[in-house]
Amino acid sequence: MVEALKKDDVARLTELIEAGKLRPVIDRRYPLREVPESLRYLEAGHAKGKVVITM
């Protein structure tokens, strides 16, 4: 039963994403070489959304 609920949740999230009703909030992007700075930013509590590391 629990497994079915998880599949239903994933299916619902997929529907919302595909419909454009759910989008992640990306606060900042950092290149891989700036990972230490990104961690300082997160630890300081400044992030209002996700912090993305680009490669």
N, C-alpha and C. Protein backbone atom coordinates (compact mmCIF):
# COMPACT_ATOMS: atom_id res chain seq x y z
N MET A 1 0.82 -1.20 0.00
CA MET A 1 0.00 0.00 0.00
C MET A 1 0.86 1.26 0.00
N VAL A 2 1.88 1.30 0.85
CA VAL A 2 2.74 2.48 0.89
C VAL A 2 3.42 2.69 -0.44
N GLU A 3 3.87 1.62 -1.07
CA GLU A 3 4.54 1.72 -2.36
C GLU A 3 3.61 2.33 -3.41
N ALA A 4 2.36 1.96 -3.42
CA ALA A 4 1.40 2.51 -4.37
C ALA A 4 1.20 4.01 -4.16
N LEU A 5 1.18 4.42 -2.90
CA LEU A 5 1.04 5.85 -2.62
C LEU A 5 2.22 6.62 -3.17
N LYS A 6 3.40 6.10 -3.03
CA LYS A 6 4.59 6.79 -3.55
C LYS A 6 4.51 6.91 -5.07
N LYS A 7 4.08 5.86 -5.74
CA LYS A 7 3.94 5.92 -7.20
C LYS A 7 2.89 6.95 -7.59
N ASP A 8 1.81 7.01 -6.84
CA ASP A 8 0.77 8.01 -7.11
C ASP A 8 1.31 9.42 -6.92
N ASP A 9 2.11 9.61 -5.88
CA ASP A 9 2.69 10.93 -5.63
C ASP A 9 3.60 11.35 -6.78
N VAL A 10 4.42 10.42 -7.23
CA VAL A 10 5.34 10.72 -8.34
C VAL A 10 4.54 11.03 -9.61
N ALA A 11 3.50 10.27 -9.84
CA ALA A 11 2.67 10.51 -11.03
C ALA A 11 2.03 11.90 -10.96
N ARG A 12 1.55 12.27 -9.80
CA ARG A 12 0.91 13.59 -9.64
C ARG A 12 1.93 14.71 -9.83
N LEU A 13 3.12 14.54 -9.26
CA LEU A 13 4.16 15.55 -9.45
C LEU A 13 4.53 15.68 -10.92
N THR A 14 4.61 14.55 -11.61
CA THR A 14 4.92 14.57 -13.04
C THR A 14 3.86 15.36 -13.80
N GLU A 15 2.60 15.13 -13.47
CA GLU A 15 1.51 15.88 -14.12
C GLU A 15 1.66 17.38 -13.90
N LEU A 16 1.94 17.77 -12.66
CA LEU A 16 2.07 19.19 -12.35
C LEU A 16 3.24 19.82 -13.08
N ILE A 17 4.36 19.12 -13.14
CA ILE A 17 5.55 19.64 -13.82
C ILE A 17 5.27 19.79 -15.31
N GLU A 18 4.69 18.75 -15.91
CA GLU A 18 4.40 18.79 -17.34
C GLU A 18 3.38 19.88 -17.69
N ALA A 19 2.49 20.18 -16.78
CA ALA A 19 1.49 21.23 -17.01
C ALA A 19 2.05 22.62 -16.74
N GLY A 20 3.29 22.70 -16.26
CA GLY A 20 3.90 23.99 -15.97
C GLY A 20 3.39 24.64 -14.70
N LYS A 21 2.76 23.85 -13.84
CA LYS A 21 2.20 24.38 -12.59
C LYS A 21 3.15 24.25 -11.41
N LEU A 22 4.24 23.54 -11.61
CA LEU A 22 5.21 23.34 -10.53
C LEU A 22 6.60 23.53 -11.11
N ARG A 23 7.29 24.53 -10.59
CA ARG A 23 8.65 24.80 -11.07
C ARG A 23 9.55 25.02 -9.87
N PRO A 24 10.77 24.51 -9.93
CA PRO A 24 11.69 24.73 -8.82
C PRO A 24 12.14 26.19 -8.80
N VAL A 25 12.44 26.67 -7.62
CA VAL A 25 12.97 28.02 -7.45
C VAL A 25 14.48 27.90 -7.32
N ILE A 26 15.19 28.45 -8.29
CA ILE A 26 16.65 28.41 -8.26
C ILE A 26 17.13 29.78 -7.83
N ASP A 27 17.79 29.80 -6.67
CA ASP A 27 18.28 31.05 -6.10
C ASP A 27 19.55 31.50 -6.83
N ARG A 28 20.51 30.61 -6.92
CA ARG A 28 21.79 30.94 -7.56
C ARG A 28 22.38 29.72 -8.24
N ARG A 29 23.25 30.01 -9.21
CA ARG A 29 24.03 28.95 -9.87
C ARG A 29 25.50 29.26 -9.64
N TYR A 30 26.25 28.22 -9.32
CA TYR A 30 27.69 28.36 -9.13
C TYR A 30 28.42 27.36 -10.01
N PRO A 31 29.53 27.78 -10.61
CA PRO A 31 30.35 26.79 -11.33
C PRO A 31 31.02 25.85 -10.32
N LEU A 32 31.40 24.68 -10.79
CA LEU A 32 31.99 23.67 -9.92
C LEU A 32 33.17 24.22 -9.11
N ARG A 33 33.95 25.08 -9.69
CA ARG A 33 35.13 25.61 -8.99
C ARG A 33 34.75 26.50 -7.80
N GLU A 34 33.48 26.93 -7.71
CA GLU A 34 33.04 27.81 -6.62
C GLU A 34 32.17 27.08 -5.58
N VAL A 35 32.32 25.75 -5.49
CA VAL A 35 31.56 25.00 -4.50
C VAL A 35 31.76 25.52 -3.08
N PRO A 36 33.01 25.84 -2.66
CA PRO A 36 33.17 26.36 -1.30
C PRO A 36 32.35 27.63 -1.05
N GLU A 37 32.30 28.52 -2.03
CA GLU A 37 31.51 29.75 -1.89
C GLU A 37 30.02 29.43 -1.80
N SER A 38 29.57 28.46 -2.60
CA SER A 38 28.15 28.09 -2.57
C SER A 38 27.77 27.52 -1.21
N LEU A 39 28.66 26.75 -0.61
CA LEU A 39 28.39 26.19 0.71
C LEU A 39 28.34 27.29 1.77
N ARG A 40 29.22 28.26 1.66
CA ARG A 40 29.18 29.39 2.60
C ARG A 40 27.86 30.14 2.47
N TYR A 41 27.41 30.32 1.25
CA TYR A 41 26.14 31.00 1.00
C TYR A 41 24.98 30.24 1.65
N LEU A 42 24.96 28.93 1.46
CA LEU A 42 23.91 28.10 2.06
C LEU A 42 23.97 28.14 3.59
N GLU A 43 25.16 27.96 4.13
CA GLU A 43 25.33 27.93 5.58
C GLU A 43 24.94 29.25 6.24
N ALA A 44 25.11 30.34 5.51
CA ALA A 44 24.76 31.66 6.06
C ALA A 44 23.25 31.87 6.07
N GLY A 45 22.51 30.98 5.43
CA GLY A 45 21.06 31.07 5.44
C GLY A 45 20.47 32.07 4.45
N HIS A 46 21.24 32.44 3.44
CA HIS A 46 20.79 33.44 2.48
C HIS A 46 19.90 32.87 1.37
N ALA A 47 20.03 31.58 1.10
CA ALA A 47 19.33 30.98 -0.05
C ALA A 47 17.82 31.02 0.15
N LYS A 48 17.12 31.50 -0.86
CA LYS A 48 15.66 31.54 -0.86
C LYS A 48 15.08 30.42 -1.72
N GLY A 49 15.96 29.67 -2.35
CA GLY A 49 15.57 28.56 -3.21
C GLY A 49 16.74 27.60 -3.30
N LYS A 50 16.79 26.84 -4.36
CA LYS A 50 17.86 25.86 -4.54
C LYS A 50 19.11 26.55 -5.07
N VAL A 51 20.25 26.00 -4.67
CA VAL A 51 21.53 26.45 -5.19
C VAL A 51 22.03 25.33 -6.11
N VAL A 52 22.36 25.70 -7.34
CA VAL A 52 22.74 24.73 -8.37
C VAL A 52 24.23 24.85 -8.66
N ILE A 53 24.88 23.69 -8.75
CA ILE A 53 26.29 23.63 -9.14
C ILE A 53 26.32 23.19 -10.59
N THR A 54 26.95 24.01 -11.45
CA THR A 54 27.04 23.68 -12.86
C THR A 54 28.43 23.11 -13.19
N MET A 55 28.44 22.24 -14.15
CA MET A 55 29.71 21.60 -14.55
C MET A 55 30.03 21.94 -15.99
